[in-house]
Amino acid sequence: MKRTNTELARNLRREQTPAERLLWNHLNAKQLGSLKFRRQHPIGDYIVDFVCPAKLLIIELDGGQHDEANNRINDAQRAKVLEAMGYQVIRFWNSEVLQNPEGVILVIRQCLGFVE
């Protein structure tokens, strides 16, 4: 892990977006099946928004800039690398988290194997 990634991750944890803050309130303190999540966590050359190490699940939250063609390509490449490391990567728009947090949590619970 690069030292610069560690410092950047710390800064990102201090400067959460409203969507990240809301989702973290649902993931923190082992509220989902007593699983531990980490936020703004370095993995390889990347910093992921949220990760559940026990289930190898990465949750990414995207703002509008991720809808630009160049960023979609970068996000797809990033997901491919992380998936090659054994992780499952799921993405949500910030607006989804803010407007329908229960639906987002339901999808996360499904990915964790809690519901069918």
PDB file of N, CA and C in Angstrom:
ATOM      1  N   MET A   1       0.852  -1.177   0.000  1.00  0.00           N
ATOM      2  CA  MET A   1       0.000   0.000   0.000  1.00  0.00           C
ATOM      3  C   MET A   1       0.897   1.239   0.000  1.00  0.00           C
ATOM      4  N   LYS A   2       0.619   2.128  -0.894  1.00  0.00           N
ATOM      5  CA  LYS A   2       1.416   3.343  -0.987  1.00  0.00           C
ATOM      6  C   LYS A   2       1.036   4.309   0.125  1.00  0.00           C
ATOM      7  N   ARG A   3       2.046   4.966   0.678  1.00  0.00           N
ATOM      8  CA  ARG A   3       1.778   5.928   1.739  1.00  0.00           C
ATOM      9  C   ARG A   3       0.833   7.026   1.268  1.00  0.00           C
ATOM     10  N   THR A   4       0.969   7.458   0.030  1.00  0.00           N
ATOM     11  CA  THR A   4       0.085   8.516  -0.474  1.00  0.00           C
ATOM     12  C   THR A   4      -1.363   8.035  -0.502  1.00  0.00           C
ATOM     13  N   ASN A   5      -1.588   6.755  -0.803  1.00  0.00           N
ATOM     14  CA  ASN A   5      -2.950   6.218  -0.778  1.00  0.00           C
ATOM     15  C   ASN A   5      -3.517   6.242   0.630  1.00  0.00           C
ATOM     16  N   THR A   6      -2.690   5.933   1.616  1.00  0.00           N
ATOM     17  CA  THR A   6      -3.144   5.945   3.005  1.00  0.00           C
ATOM     18  C   THR A   6      -3.548   7.350   3.422  1.00  0.00           C
ATOM     19  N   GLU A   7      -2.733   8.328   3.077  1.00  0.00           N
ATOM     20  CA  GLU A   7      -3.048   9.717   3.413  1.00  0.00           C
ATOM     21  C   GLU A   7      -4.298  10.192   2.683  1.00  0.00           C
ATOM     22  N   LEU A   8      -4.422   9.825   1.414  1.00  0.00           N
ATOM     23  CA  LEU A   8      -5.604  10.204   0.644  1.00  0.00           C
ATOM     24  C   LEU A   8      -6.856   9.559   1.233  1.00  0.00           C
ATOM     25  N   ALA A   9      -6.753   8.294   1.626  1.00  0.00           N
ATOM     26  CA  ALA A   9      -7.895   7.601   2.230  1.00  0.00           C
ATOM     27  C   ALA A   9      -8.327   8.292   3.516  1.00  0.00           C
ATOM     28  N   ARG A  10      -7.379   8.702   4.329  1.00  0.00           N
ATOM     29  CA  ARG A  10      -7.722   9.426   5.570  1.00  0.00           C
ATOM     30  C   ARG A  10      -8.474  10.718   5.255  1.00  0.00           C
ATOM     31  N   ASN A  11      -7.992  11.445   4.261  1.00  0.00           N
ATOM     32  CA  ASN A  11      -8.671  12.689   3.875  1.00  0.00           C
ATOM     33  C   ASN A  11     -10.073  12.415   3.363  1.00  0.00           C
ATOM     34  N   LEU A  12     -10.238  11.366   2.575  1.00  0.00           N
ATOM     35  CA  LEU A  12     -11.560  11.027   2.051  1.00  0.00           C
ATOM     36  C   LEU A  12     -12.515  10.633   3.178  1.00  0.00           C
ATOM     37  N   ARG A  13     -12.010   9.960   4.200  1.00  0.00           N
ATOM     38  CA  ARG A  13     -12.868   9.606   5.341  1.00  0.00           C
ATOM     39  C   ARG A  13     -13.328  10.860   6.090  1.00  0.00           C
ATOM     40  N   ARG A  14     -12.461  11.858   6.154  1.00  0.00           N
ATOM     41  CA  ARG A  14     -12.832  13.104   6.846  1.00  0.00           C
ATOM     42  C   ARG A  14     -13.813  13.937   6.037  1.00  0.00           C
ATOM     43  N   GLU A  15     -13.781  13.789   4.715  1.00  0.00           N
ATOM     44  CA  GLU A  15     -14.579  14.636   3.824  1.00  0.00           C
ATOM     45  C   GLU A  15     -15.606  13.809   3.058  1.00  0.00           C
ATOM     46  N   GLN A  16     -16.421  13.058   3.762  1.00  0.00           N
ATOM     47  CA  GLN A  16     -17.428  12.214   3.124  1.00  0.00           C
ATOM     48  C   GLN A  16     -18.500  13.043   2.424  1.00  0.00           C
ATOM     49  N   THR A  17     -19.020  12.482   1.361  1.00  0.00           N
ATOM     50  CA  THR A  17     -20.185  13.090   0.713  1.00  0.00           C
ATOM     51  C   THR A  17     -21.420  12.755   1.560  1.00  0.00           C
ATOM     52  N   PRO A  18     -22.516  13.475   1.367  1.00  0.00           N
ATOM     53  CA  PRO A  18     -23.742  13.132   2.103  1.00  0.00           C
ATOM     54  C   PRO A  18     -24.180  11.681   1.865  1.00  0.00           C
ATOM     55  N   ALA A  19     -24.042  11.185   0.638  1.00  0.00           N
ATOM     56  CA  ALA A  19     -24.434   9.799   0.344  1.00  0.00           C
ATOM     57  C   ALA A  19     -23.523   8.816   1.079  1.00  0.00           C
ATOM     58  N   GLU A  20     -22.222   9.084   1.100  1.00  0.00           N
ATOM     59  CA  GLU A  20     -21.292   8.214   1.832  1.00  0.00           C
ATOM     60  C   GLU A  20     -21.616   8.217   3.327  1.00  0.00           C
ATOM     61  N   ARG A  21     -21.910   9.385   3.864  1.00  0.00           N
ATOM     62  CA  ARG A  21     -22.229   9.486   5.288  1.00  0.00           C
ATOM     63  C   ARG A  21     -23.487   8.675   5.628  1.00  0.00           C
ATOM     64  N   LEU A  22     -24.505   8.795   4.774  1.00  0.00           N
ATOM     65  CA  LEU A  22     -25.750   8.078   5.008  1.00  0.00           C
ATOM     66  C   LEU A  22     -25.538   6.564   4.931  1.00  0.00           C
ATOM     67  N   LEU A  23     -24.840   6.103   3.895  1.00  0.00           N
ATOM     68  CA  LEU A  23     -24.605   4.665   3.776  1.00  0.00           C
ATOM     69  C   LEU A  23     -23.736   4.155   4.918  1.00  0.00           C
ATOM     70  N   TRP A  24     -22.734   4.931   5.316  1.00  0.00           N
ATOM     71  CA  TRP A  24     -21.860   4.512   6.414  1.00  0.00           C
ATOM     72  C   TRP A  24     -22.664   4.332   7.704  1.00  0.00           C
ATOM     73  N   ASN A  25     -23.679   5.152   7.898  1.00  0.00           N
ATOM     74  CA  ASN A  25     -24.526   4.998   9.080  1.00  0.00           C
ATOM     75  C   ASN A  25     -25.216   3.635   9.102  1.00  0.00           C
ATOM     76  N   HIS A  26     -25.466   3.064   7.930  1.00  0.00           N
ATOM     77  CA  HIS A  26     -26.098   1.737   7.845  1.00  0.00           C
ATOM     78  C   HIS A  26     -25.077   0.599   7.918  1.00  0.00           C
ATOM     79  N   LEU A  27     -23.849   0.860   7.485  1.00  0.00           N
ATOM     80  CA  LEU A  27     -22.831  -0.187   7.446  1.00  0.00           C
ATOM     81  C   LEU A  27     -21.984  -0.249   8.710  1.00  0.00           C
ATOM     82  N   ASN A  28     -21.841   0.862   9.385  1.00  0.00           N
ATOM     83  CA  ASN A  28     -20.976   0.961  10.560  1.00  0.00           C
ATOM     84  C   ASN A  28     -21.515   0.146  11.731  1.00  0.00           C
ATOM     85  N   ALA A  29     -20.650  -0.196  12.623  1.00  0.00           N
ATOM     86  CA  ALA A  29     -21.002  -0.873  13.880  1.00  0.00           C
ATOM     87  C   ALA A  29     -21.638  -2.241  13.656  1.00  0.00           C
ATOM     88  N   LYS A  30     -21.206  -2.906  12.596  1.00  0.00           N
ATOM     89  CA  LYS A  30     -21.626  -4.288  12.346  1.00  0.00           C
ATOM     90  C   LYS A  30     -23.144  -4.466  12.341  1.00  0.00           C
ATOM     91  N   GLN A  31     -23.845  -3.568  11.662  1.00  0.00           N
ATOM     92  CA  GLN A  31     -25.306  -3.615  11.618  1.00  0.00           C
ATOM     93  C   GLN A  31     -25.840  -4.635  10.614  1.00  0.00           C
ATOM     94  N   LEU A  32     -25.009  -5.092   9.703  1.00  0.00           N
ATOM     95  CA  LEU A  32     -25.443  -6.069   8.705  1.00  0.00           C
ATOM     96  C   LEU A  32     -24.830  -7.428   9.047  1.00  0.00           C
ATOM     97  N   GLY A  33     -25.579  -8.228   9.768  1.00  0.00           N
ATOM     98  CA  GLY A  33     -25.123  -9.571  10.101  1.00  0.00           C
ATOM     99  C   GLY A  33     -23.815  -9.599  10.851  1.00  0.00           C
ATOM    100  N   SER A  34     -23.545  -8.598  11.614  1.00  0.00           N
ATOM    101  CA  SER A  34     -22.312  -8.431  12.401  1.00  0.00           C
ATOM    102  C   SER A  34     -21.052  -8.437  11.537  1.00  0.00           C
ATOM    103  N   LEU A  35     -21.200  -8.094  10.260  1.00  0.00           N
ATOM    104  CA  LEU A  35     -20.045  -7.997   9.370  1.00  0.00           C
ATOM    105  C   LEU A  35     -19.393  -6.628   9.499  1.00  0.00           C
ATOM    106  N   LYS A  36     -18.090  -6.611   9.428  1.00  0.00           N
ATOM    107  CA  LYS A  36     -17.343  -5.368   9.524  1.00  0.00           C
ATOM    108  C   LYS A  36     -17.104  -4.795   8.132  1.00  0.00           C
ATOM    109  N   PHE A  37     -17.342  -3.501   7.997  1.00  0.00           N
ATOM    110  CA  PHE A  37     -17.053  -2.772   6.774  1.00  0.00           C
ATOM    111  C   PHE A  37     -15.976  -1.740   7.062  1.00  0.00           C
ATOM    112  N   ARG A  38     -15.214  -1.427   6.049  1.00  0.00           N
ATOM    113  CA  ARG A  38     -14.234  -0.338   6.113  1.00  0.00           C
ATOM    114  C   ARG A  38     -14.627   0.678   5.054  1.00  0.00           C
ATOM    115  N   ARG A  39     -14.344   1.938   5.337  1.00  0.00           N
ATOM    116  CA  ARG A  39     -14.676   2.987   4.357  1.00  0.00           C
ATOM    117  C   ARG A  39     -13.401   3.648   3.872  1.00  0.00           C
ATOM    118  N   GLN A  40     -13.429   4.058   2.624  1.00  0.00           N
ATOM    119  CA  GLN A  40     -12.278   4.696   1.978  1.00  0.00           C
ATOM    120  C   GLN A  40     -11.016   3.898   2.285  1.00  0.00           C
ATOM    121  N   HIS A  41     -11.038   2.665   1.828  1.00  0.00           N
ATOM    122  CA  HIS A  41      -9.978   1.711   2.173  1.00  0.00           C
ATOM    123  C   HIS A  41      -9.094   1.420   0.960  1.00  0.00           C
ATOM    124  N   PRO A  42      -7.775   1.557   1.113  1.00  0.00           N
ATOM    125  CA  PRO A  42      -6.864   1.244   0.007  1.00  0.00           C
ATOM    126  C   PRO A  42      -6.815  -0.263  -0.280  1.00  0.00           C
ATOM    127  N   ILE A  43      -6.964  -0.608  -1.550  1.00  0.00           N
ATOM    128  CA  ILE A  43      -6.785  -1.982  -2.026  1.00  0.00           C
ATOM    129  C   ILE A  43      -5.964  -1.881  -3.308  1.00  0.00           C
ATOM    130  N   GLY A  44      -4.782  -2.425  -3.284  1.00  0.00           N
ATOM    131  CA  GLY A  44      -3.895  -2.292  -4.439  1.00  0.00           C
ATOM    132  C   GLY A  44      -3.628  -0.827  -4.721  1.00  0.00           C
ATOM    133  N   ASP A  45      -3.812  -0.431  -5.964  1.00  0.00           N
ATOM    134  CA  ASP A  45      -3.593   0.965  -6.361  1.00  0.00           C
ATOM    135  C   ASP A  45      -4.834   1.829  -6.200  1.00  0.00           C
ATOM    136  N   TYR A  46      -5.894   1.262  -5.650  1.00  0.00           N
ATOM    137  CA  TYR A  46      -7.180   1.968  -5.572  1.00  0.00           C
ATOM    138  C   TYR A  46      -7.586   2.240  -4.132  1.00  0.00           C
ATOM    139  N   ILE A  47      -8.476   3.194  -3.991  1.00  0.00           N
ATOM    140  CA  ILE A  47      -9.147   3.429  -2.714  1.00  0.00           C
ATOM    141  C   ILE A  47     -10.622   3.196  -2.988  1.00  0.00           C
ATOM    142  N   VAL A  48     -11.182   2.199  -2.316  1.00  0.00           N
ATOM    143  CA  VAL A  48     -12.590   1.870  -2.529  1.00  0.00           C
ATOM    144  C   VAL A  48     -13.441   2.594  -1.495  1.00  0.00           C
ATOM    145  N   ASP A  49     -14.685   2.898  -1.856  1.00  0.00           N
ATOM    146  CA  ASP A  49     -15.560   3.623  -0.940  1.00  0.00           C
ATOM    147  C   ASP A  49     -15.854   2.800   0.306  1.00  0.00           C
ATOM    148  N   PHE A  50     -16.315   1.553   0.109  1.00  0.00           N
ATOM    149  CA  PHE A  50     -16.623   0.661   1.237  1.00  0.00           C
ATOM    150  C   PHE A  50     -16.224  -0.759   0.856  1.00  0.00           C
ATOM    151  N   VAL A  51     -15.743  -1.509   1.835  1.00  0.00           N
ATOM    152  CA  VAL A  51     -15.406  -2.907   1.592  1.00  0.00           C
ATOM    153  C   VAL A  51     -15.758  -3.734   2.817  1.00  0.00           C
ATOM    154  N   CYS A  52     -16.289  -4.919   2.569  1.00  0.00           N
ATOM    155  CA  CYS A  52     -16.497  -5.915   3.609  1.00  0.00           C
ATOM    156  C   CYS A  52     -15.455  -7.000   3.346  1.00  0.00           C
ATOM    157  N   PRO A  53     -14.339  -6.982   4.081  1.00  0.00           N
ATOM    158  CA  PRO A  53     -13.267  -7.937   3.810  1.00  0.00           C
ATOM    159  C   PRO A  53     -13.699  -9.402   3.954  1.00  0.00           C
ATOM    160  N   ALA A  54     -14.575  -9.690   4.890  1.00  0.00           N
ATOM    161  CA  ALA A  54     -14.990 -11.082   5.117  1.00  0.00           C
ATOM    162  C   ALA A  54     -15.751 -11.659   3.934  1.00  0.00           C
ATOM    163  N   LYS A  55     -16.482 -10.827   3.217  1.00  0.00           N
ATOM    164  CA  LYS A  55     -17.284 -11.282   2.075  1.00  0.00           C
ATOM    165  C   LYS A  55     -16.701 -10.834   0.734  1.00  0.00           C
ATOM    166  N   LEU A  56     -15.561 -10.158   0.767  1.00  0.00           N
ATOM    167  CA  LEU A  56     -14.910  -9.652  -0.448  1.00  0.00           C
ATOM    168  C   LEU A  56     -15.880  -8.840  -1.304  1.00  0.00           C
ATOM    169  N   LEU A  57     -16.652  -7.984  -0.638  1.00  0.00           N
ATOM    170  CA  LEU A  57     -17.632  -7.141  -1.312  1.00  0.00           C
ATOM    171  C   LEU A  57     -17.190  -5.685  -1.244  1.00  0.00           C
ATOM    172  N   ILE A  58     -17.118  -5.060  -2.405  1.00  0.00           N
ATOM    173  CA  ILE A  58     -16.786  -3.635  -2.506  1.00  0.00           C
ATOM    174  C   ILE A  58     -18.035  -2.898  -2.956  1.00  0.00           C
ATOM    175  N   ILE A  59     -18.320  -1.786  -2.278  1.00  0.00           N
ATOM    176  CA  ILE A  59     -19.457  -0.936  -2.628  1.00  0.00           C
ATOM    177  C   ILE A  59     -18.892   0.415  -3.051  1.00  0.00           C
ATOM    178  N   GLU A  60     -19.220   0.832  -4.257  1.00  0.00           N
ATOM    179  CA  GLU A  60     -18.780   2.124  -4.769  1.00  0.00           C
ATOM    180  C   GLU A  60     -19.983   3.037  -4.954  1.00  0.00           C
ATOM    181  N   LEU A  61     -19.836   4.279  -4.561  1.00  0.00           N
ATOM    182  CA  LEU A  61     -20.875   5.292  -4.760  1.00  0.00           C
ATOM    183  C   LEU A  61     -20.377   6.282  -5.800  1.00  0.00           C
ATOM    184  N   ASP A  62     -21.224   6.580  -6.764  1.00  0.00           N
ATOM    185  CA  ASP A  62     -20.820   7.417  -7.882  1.00  0.00           C
ATOM    186  C   ASP A  62     -21.650   8.682  -7.961  1.00  0.00           C
ATOM    187  N   GLY A  63     -20.961   9.792  -8.167  1.00  0.00           N
ATOM    188  CA  GLY A  63     -21.614  11.054  -8.469  1.00  0.00           C
ATOM    189  C   GLY A  63     -21.746  11.212  -9.967  1.00  0.00           C
ATOM    190  N   GLY A  64     -22.266  12.323 -10.399  1.00  0.00           N
ATOM    191  CA  GLY A  64     -22.529  12.569 -11.815  1.00  0.00           C
ATOM    192  C   GLY A  64     -21.307  12.487 -12.704  1.00  0.00           C
ATOM    193  N   GLN A  65     -20.121  12.802 -12.182  1.00  0.00           N
ATOM    194  CA  GLN A  65     -18.910  12.759 -12.993  1.00  0.00           C
ATOM    195  C   GLN A  65     -18.608  11.347 -13.493  1.00  0.00           C
ATOM    196  N   HIS A  66     -19.135  10.332 -12.829  1.00  0.00           N
ATOM    197  CA  HIS A  66     -18.893   8.946 -13.243  1.00  0.00           C
ATOM    198  C   HIS A  66     -19.718   8.568 -14.477  1.00  0.00           C
ATOM    199  N   ASP A  67     -20.624   9.444 -14.899  1.00  0.00           N
ATOM    200  CA  ASP A  67     -21.435   9.168 -16.085  1.00  0.00           C
ATOM    201  C   ASP A  67     -20.746   9.648 -17.360  1.00  0.00           C
ATOM    202  N   GLU A  68     -19.614  10.311 -17.224  1.00  0.00           N
ATOM    203  CA  GLU A  68     -18.859  10.752 -18.392  1.00  0.00           C
ATOM    204  C   GLU A  68     -18.144   9.544 -18.991  1.00  0.00           C
ATOM    205  N   ALA A  69     -18.039   9.523 -20.311  1.00  0.00           N
ATOM    206  CA  ALA A  69     -17.499   8.361 -21.031  1.00  0.00           C
ATOM    207  C   ALA A  69     -16.139   7.925 -20.501  1.00  0.00           C
ATOM    208  N   ASN A  70     -15.236   8.858 -20.321  1.00  0.00           N
ATOM    209  CA  ASN A  70     -13.889   8.522 -19.846  1.00  0.00           C
ATOM    210  C   ASN A  70     -13.926   7.881 -18.458  1.00  0.00           C
ATOM    211  N   ASN A  71     -14.757   8.412 -17.590  1.00  0.00           N
ATOM    212  CA  ASN A  71     -14.854   7.867 -16.234  1.00  0.00           C
ATOM    213  C   ASN A  71     -15.535   6.504 -16.224  1.00  0.00           C
ATOM    214  N   ARG A  72     -16.492   6.275 -17.112  1.00  0.00           N
ATOM    215  CA  ARG A  72     -17.120   4.948 -17.202  1.00  0.00           C
ATOM    216  C   ARG A  72     -16.088   3.902 -17.594  1.00  0.00           C
ATOM    217  N   ILE A  73     -15.201   4.253 -18.519  1.00  0.00           N
ATOM    218  CA  ILE A  73     -14.132   3.334 -18.946  1.00  0.00           C
ATOM    219  C   ILE A  73     -13.189   3.059 -17.775  1.00  0.00           C
ATOM    220  N   ASN A  74     -12.788   4.113 -17.065  1.00  0.00           N
ATOM    221  CA  ASN A  74     -11.894   3.944 -15.914  1.00  0.00           C
ATOM    222  C   ASN A  74     -12.552   3.097 -14.823  1.00  0.00           C
ATOM    223  N   ASP A  75     -13.829   3.328 -14.564  1.00  0.00           N
ATOM    224  CA  ASP A  75     -14.549   2.555 -13.543  1.00  0.00           C
ATOM    225  C   ASP A  75     -14.632   1.081 -13.921  1.00  0.00           C
ATOM    226  N   ALA A  76     -14.864   0.812 -15.212  1.00  0.00           N
ATOM    227  CA  ALA A  76     -14.950  -0.577 -15.675  1.00  0.00           C
ATOM    228  C   ALA A  76     -13.598  -1.273 -15.531  1.00  0.00           C
ATOM    229  N   GLN A  77     -12.523  -0.582 -15.875  1.00  0.00           N
ATOM    230  CA  GLN A  77     -11.180  -1.157 -15.737  1.00  0.00           C
ATOM    231  C   GLN A  77     -10.855  -1.404 -14.266  1.00  0.00           C
ATOM    232  N   ARG A  78     -11.193  -0.459 -13.429  1.00  0.00           N
ATOM    233  CA  ARG A  78     -10.961  -0.584 -11.985  1.00  0.00           C
ATOM    234  C   ARG A  78     -11.713  -1.792 -11.424  1.00  0.00           C
ATOM    235  N   ALA A  79     -12.972  -1.938 -11.820  1.00  0.00           N
ATOM    236  CA  ALA A  79     -13.774  -3.077 -11.353  1.00  0.00           C
ATOM    237  C   ALA A  79     -13.164  -4.390 -11.829  1.00  0.00           C
ATOM    238  N   LYS A  80     -12.689  -4.405 -13.051  1.00  0.00           N
ATOM    239  CA  LYS A  80     -12.077  -5.615 -13.609  1.00  0.00           C
ATOM    240  C   LYS A  80     -10.853  -6.035 -12.784  1.00  0.00           C
ATOM    241  N   VAL A  81     -10.027  -5.086 -12.419  1.00  0.00           N
ATOM    242  CA  VAL A  81      -8.827  -5.374 -11.618  1.00  0.00           C
ATOM    243  C   VAL A  81      -9.228  -5.885 -10.238  1.00  0.00           C
ATOM    244  N   LEU A  82     -10.181  -5.218  -9.607  1.00  0.00           N
ATOM    245  CA  LEU A  82     -10.618  -5.629  -8.268  1.00  0.00           C
ATOM    246  C   LEU A  82     -11.290  -7.003  -8.302  1.00  0.00           C
ATOM    247  N   GLU A  83     -12.063  -7.264  -9.351  1.00  0.00           N
ATOM    248  CA  GLU A  83     -12.706  -8.575  -9.484  1.00  0.00           C
ATOM    249  C   GLU A  83     -11.670  -9.672  -9.711  1.00  0.00           C
ATOM    250  N   ALA A  84     -10.597  -9.348 -10.414  1.00  0.00           N
ATOM    251  CA  ALA A  84      -9.518 -10.319 -10.610  1.00  0.00           C
ATOM    252  C   ALA A  84      -8.826 -10.650  -9.282  1.00  0.00           C
ATOM    253  N   MET A  85      -8.939  -9.740  -8.316  1.00  0.00           N
ATOM    254  CA  MET A  85      -8.386  -9.976  -6.979  1.00  0.00           C
ATOM    255  C   MET A  85      -9.359 -10.774  -6.103  1.00  0.00           C
ATOM    256  N   GLY A  86     -10.533 -11.078  -6.644  1.00  0.00           N
ATOM    257  CA  GLY A  86     -11.512 -11.889  -5.921  1.00  0.00           C
ATOM    258  C   GLY A  86     -12.677 -11.125  -5.329  1.00  0.00           C
ATOM    259  N   TYR A  87     -12.731  -9.827  -5.547  1.00  0.00           N
ATOM    260  CA  TYR A  87     -13.808  -9.006  -4.993  1.00  0.00           C
ATOM    261  C   TYR A  87     -15.017  -8.963  -5.921  1.00  0.00           C
ATOM    262  N   GLN A  88     -16.182  -8.797  -5.324  1.00  0.00           N
ATOM    263  CA  GLN A  88     -17.394  -8.453  -6.072  1.00  0.00           C
ATOM    264  C   GLN A  88     -17.569  -6.949  -5.905  1.00  0.00           C
ATOM    265  N   VAL A  89     -17.784  -6.244  -7.000  1.00  0.00           N
ATOM    266  CA  VAL A  89     -17.926  -4.789  -6.961  1.00  0.00           C
ATOM    267  C   VAL A  89     -19.357  -4.431  -7.350  1.00  0.00           C
ATOM    268  N   ILE A  90     -20.032  -3.687  -6.474  1.00  0.00           N
ATOM    269  CA  ILE A  90     -21.357  -3.167  -6.808  1.00  0.00           C
ATOM    270  C   ILE A  90     -21.308  -1.643  -6.731  1.00  0.00           C
ATOM    271  N   ARG A  91     -22.085  -1.014  -7.596  1.00  0.00           N
ATOM    272  CA  ARG A  91     -22.072   0.449  -7.690  1.00  0.00           C
ATOM    273  C   ARG A  91     -23.483   0.991  -7.524  1.00  0.00           C
ATOM    274  N   PHE A  92     -23.549   2.129  -6.871  1.00  0.00           N
ATOM    275  CA  PHE A  92     -24.804   2.866  -6.728  1.00  0.00           C
ATOM    276  C   PHE A  92     -24.527   4.330  -7.037  1.00  0.00           C
ATOM    277  N   TRP A  93     -25.526   4.995  -7.583  1.00  0.00           N
ATOM    278  CA  TRP A  93     -25.449   6.440  -7.749  1.00  0.00           C
ATOM    279  C   TRP A  93     -25.695   7.078  -6.383  1.00  0.00           C
ATOM    280  N   ASN A  94     -25.056   8.195  -6.127  1.00  0.00           N
ATOM    281  CA  ASN A  94     -25.291   8.938  -4.888  1.00  0.00           C
ATOM    282  C   ASN A  94     -26.779   9.213  -4.712  1.00  0.00           C
ATOM    283  N   SER A  95     -27.446   9.570  -5.802  1.00  0.00           N
ATOM    284  CA  SER A  95     -28.877   9.891  -5.716  1.00  0.00           C
ATOM    285  C   SER A  95     -29.689   8.676  -5.264  1.00  0.00           C
ATOM    286  N   GLU A  96     -29.279   7.469  -5.657  1.00  0.00           N
ATOM    287  CA  GLU A  96     -29.976   6.257  -5.198  1.00  0.00           C
ATOM    288  C   GLU A  96     -29.892   6.123  -3.684  1.00  0.00           C
ATOM    289  N   VAL A  97     -28.703   6.346  -3.153  1.00  0.00           N
ATOM    290  CA  VAL A  97     -28.498   6.221  -1.710  1.00  0.00           C
ATOM    291  C   VAL A  97     -29.329   7.257  -0.970  1.00  0.00           C
ATOM    292  N   LEU A  98     -29.342   8.474  -1.475  1.00  0.00           N
ATOM    293  CA  LEU A  98     -30.055   9.552  -0.791  1.00  0.00           C
ATOM    294  C   LEU A  98     -31.569   9.410  -0.905  1.00  0.00           C
ATOM    295  N   GLN A  99     -32.066   8.919  -2.046  1.00  0.00           N
ATOM    296  CA  GLN A  99     -33.506   8.842  -2.262  1.00  0.00           C
ATOM    297  C   GLN A  99     -34.115   7.512  -1.844  1.00  0.00           C
ATOM    298  N   ASN A 100     -33.318   6.451  -1.830  1.00  0.00           N
ATOM    299  CA  ASN A 100     -33.857   5.129  -1.523  1.00  0.00           C
ATOM    300  C   ASN A 100     -32.842   4.296  -0.731  1.00  0.00           C
ATOM    301  N   PRO A 101     -32.461   4.750   0.453  1.00  0.00           N
ATOM    302  CA  PRO A 101     -31.449   4.003   1.210  1.00  0.00           C
ATOM    303  C   PRO A 101     -31.884   2.579   1.547  1.00  0.00           C
ATOM    304  N   GLU A 102     -33.178   2.379   1.780  1.00  0.00           N
ATOM    305  CA  GLU A 102     -33.655   1.027   2.119  1.00  0.00           C
ATOM    306  C   GLU A 102     -33.451   0.073   0.945  1.00  0.00           C
ATOM    307  N   GLY A 103     -33.698   0.554  -0.264  1.00  0.00           N
ATOM    308  CA  GLY A 103     -33.494  -0.267  -1.453  1.00  0.00           C
ATOM    309  C   GLY A 103     -32.026  -0.612  -1.661  1.00  0.00           C
ATOM    310  N   VAL A 104     -31.156   0.357  -1.413  1.00  0.00           N
ATOM    311  CA  VAL A 104     -29.713   0.125  -1.530  1.00  0.00           C
ATOM    312  C   VAL A 104     -29.268  -0.921  -0.511  1.00  0.00           C
ATOM    313  N   ILE A 105     -29.725  -0.788   0.722  1.00  0.00           N
ATOM    314  CA  ILE A 105     -29.362  -1.757   1.768  1.00  0.00           C
ATOM    315  C   ILE A 105     -29.886  -3.143   1.406  1.00  0.00           C
ATOM    316  N   LEU A 106     -31.064  -3.220   0.812  1.00  0.00           N
ATOM    317  CA  LEU A 106     -31.609  -4.513   0.399  1.00  0.00           C
ATOM    318  C   LEU A 106     -30.696  -5.185  -0.628  1.00  0.00           C
ATOM    319  N   VAL A 107     -30.226  -4.433  -1.612  1.00  0.00           N
ATOM    320  CA  VAL A 107     -29.322  -4.983  -2.623  1.00  0.00           C
ATOM    321  C   VAL A 107     -28.018  -5.444  -1.959  1.00  0.00           C
ATOM    322  N   ILE A 108     -27.507  -4.657  -1.033  1.00  0.00           N
ATOM    323  CA  ILE A 108     -26.278  -5.039  -0.325  1.00  0.00           C
ATOM    324  C   ILE A 108     -26.506  -6.319   0.461  1.00  0.00           C
ATOM    325  N   ARG A 109     -27.636  -6.395   1.147  1.00  0.00           N
ATOM    326  CA  ARG A 109     -27.961  -7.620   1.906  1.00  0.00           C
ATOM    327  C   ARG A 109     -28.043  -8.837   0.985  1.00  0.00           C
ATOM    328  N   GLN A 110     -28.599  -8.654  -0.218  1.00  0.00           N
ATOM    329  CA  GLN A 110     -28.662  -9.747  -1.186  1.00  0.00           C
ATOM    330  C   GLN A 110     -27.259 -10.189  -1.602  1.00  0.00           C
ATOM    331  N   CYS A 111     -26.384  -9.227  -1.848  1.00  0.00           N
ATOM    332  CA  CYS A 111     -25.014  -9.548  -2.241  1.00  0.00           C
ATOM    333  C   CYS A 111     -24.252 -10.253  -1.120  1.00  0.00           C
ATOM    334  N   LEU A 112     -24.632  -9.970   0.107  1.00  0.00           N
ATOM    335  CA  LEU A 112     -23.989 -10.613   1.253  1.00  0.00           C
ATOM    336  C   LEU A 112     -24.591 -11.997   1.547  1.00  0.00           C
ATOM    337  N   GLY A 113     -25.678 -12.330   0.835  1.00  0.00           N
ATOM    338  CA  GLY A 113     -26.299 -13.631   0.997  1.00  0.00           C
ATOM    339  C   GLY A 113     -27.339 -13.704   2.106  1.00  0.00           C
ATOM    340  N   PHE A 114     -27.841 -12.544   2.547  1.00  0.00           N
ATOM    341  CA  PHE A 114     -28.832 -12.520   3.629  1.00  0.00           C
ATOM    342  C   PHE A 114     -30.256 -12.707   3.132  1.00  0.00           C
ATOM    343  N   VAL A 115     -30.527 -12.334   1.884  1.00  0.00           N
ATOM    344  CA  VAL A 115     -31.863 -12.484   1.302  1.00  0.00           C
ATOM    345  C   VAL A 115     -31.737 -12.975  -0.126  1.00  0.00           C
ATOM    346  N   GLU A 116     -32.793 -13.640  -0.596  1.00  0.00           N
ATOM    347  CA  GLU A 116     -32.775 -14.157  -1.976  1.00  0.00           C
ATOM    348  C   GLU A 116     -33.562 -13.255  -2.885  1.00  0.00           C
TER     349      GLU A 116
END
